[in-house]
Amino acid sequence: MTSPEVKSARKLIAPVQFLDVAGTVQRNNEGMAASVAERITEECGNSVQPARRHHEPASSRRGSSMKAGVA
């Protein structure tokens, strides 16, 4: 079973957590505007989203020859 599709990376985490991450980006880049930090955070989330969307634990794959817990 795959995770439901999320169209916005902002929806991957709670709004407060998103702003915390964006705040960290802003603090670690002197002079950066909050809007730029939020955009960077959004783009990073967008790069993680495809991996999250297609992730399936090995134990839930149909027809898989791998057994859970065996690498």
Protein backbone atom coordinates (compact mmCIF):
# COMPACT_ATOMS: atom_id res chain seq x y z
CA MET A 1 0.00 0.00 0.00
CA THR A 2 1.47 3.34 -1.00
CA SER A 3 1.05 6.60 0.90
CA PRO A 4 -1.65 8.95 -0.37
CA GLU A 5 -0.41 11.55 -2.83
CA VAL A 6 0.38 14.93 -1.29
CA LYS A 7 0.38 17.83 -3.73
CA SER A 8 2.21 20.27 -1.46
CA ALA A 9 5.35 19.57 0.52
CA ARG A 10 3.95 21.86 3.23
CA LYS A 11 1.38 19.17 3.97
CA LEU A 12 4.02 16.53 4.75
CA ILE A 13 4.49 18.00 8.23
CA ALA A 14 2.41 20.13 10.59
CA PRO A 15 2.40 23.88 9.84
CA VAL A 16 4.23 24.66 13.09
CA GLN A 17 6.96 22.16 12.21
CA PHE A 18 7.26 23.60 8.70
CA LEU A 19 7.79 27.09 10.12
CA ASP A 20 10.32 25.71 12.63
CA VAL A 21 12.33 24.16 9.79
CA ALA A 22 12.08 27.33 7.69
CA GLY A 23 13.19 29.35 10.74
CA THR A 24 16.24 27.13 11.13
CA VAL A 25 17.11 27.64 7.46
CA GLN A 26 16.74 31.40 7.89
CA ARG A 27 18.83 31.57 11.09
CA ASN A 28 21.63 29.55 9.50
CA ASN A 29 21.80 31.89 6.50
CA GLU A 30 22.46 35.41 7.72
CA GLY A 31 20.33 38.04 6.01
CA MET A 32 17.93 35.56 4.40
CA ALA A 33 14.30 36.68 4.14
CA ALA A 34 11.66 34.47 5.75
CA SER A 35 9.93 34.01 2.39
CA VAL A 36 13.15 32.67 0.85
CA ALA A 37 13.68 30.27 3.76
CA GLU A 38 10.12 29.01 3.35
CA ARG A 39 10.64 28.52 -0.39
CA ILE A 40 13.84 26.54 0.23
CA THR A 41 12.05 24.40 2.81
CA GLU A 42 9.18 23.81 0.37
CA GLU A 43 11.59 22.76 -2.41
CA CYS A 44 13.41 20.36 -0.08
CA GLY A 45 10.08 18.82 0.84
CA ASN A 46 9.22 18.46 -2.83
CA SER A 47 12.39 16.44 -3.39
CA VAL A 48 11.52 14.12 -0.51
CA GLN A 49 7.88 13.72 -1.53
CA PRO A 50 8.40 11.29 -4.48
CA ALA A 51 10.39 8.91 -2.30
CA ARG A 52 7.74 9.05 0.39
CA ARG A 53 4.93 8.52 -2.11
CA HIS A 54 6.49 5.37 -3.57
CA HIS A 55 7.81 3.88 -0.35
CA GLU A 56 6.41 0.50 0.56
CA PRO A 57 7.75 -1.65 3.37
CA ALA A 58 9.11 -4.96 2.03
CA SER A 59 6.57 -6.91 4.08
CA SER A 60 3.64 -5.25 2.27
CA ARG A 61 4.79 -5.79 -1.33
CA ARG A 62 2.64 -8.22 -3.25
CA GLY A 63 4.47 -11.02 -4.94
CA SER A 64 7.74 -10.12 -3.28
CA SER A 65 10.16 -12.95 -2.80
CA MET A 66 11.69 -11.14 0.18
CA LYS A 67 10.39 -12.01 3.60
CA ALA A 68 10.01 -9.36 6.28
CA GLY A 69 13.17 -8.96 8.31
CA VAL A 70 15.40 -10.67 5.74
CA ALA A 71 17.74 -8.46 3.73
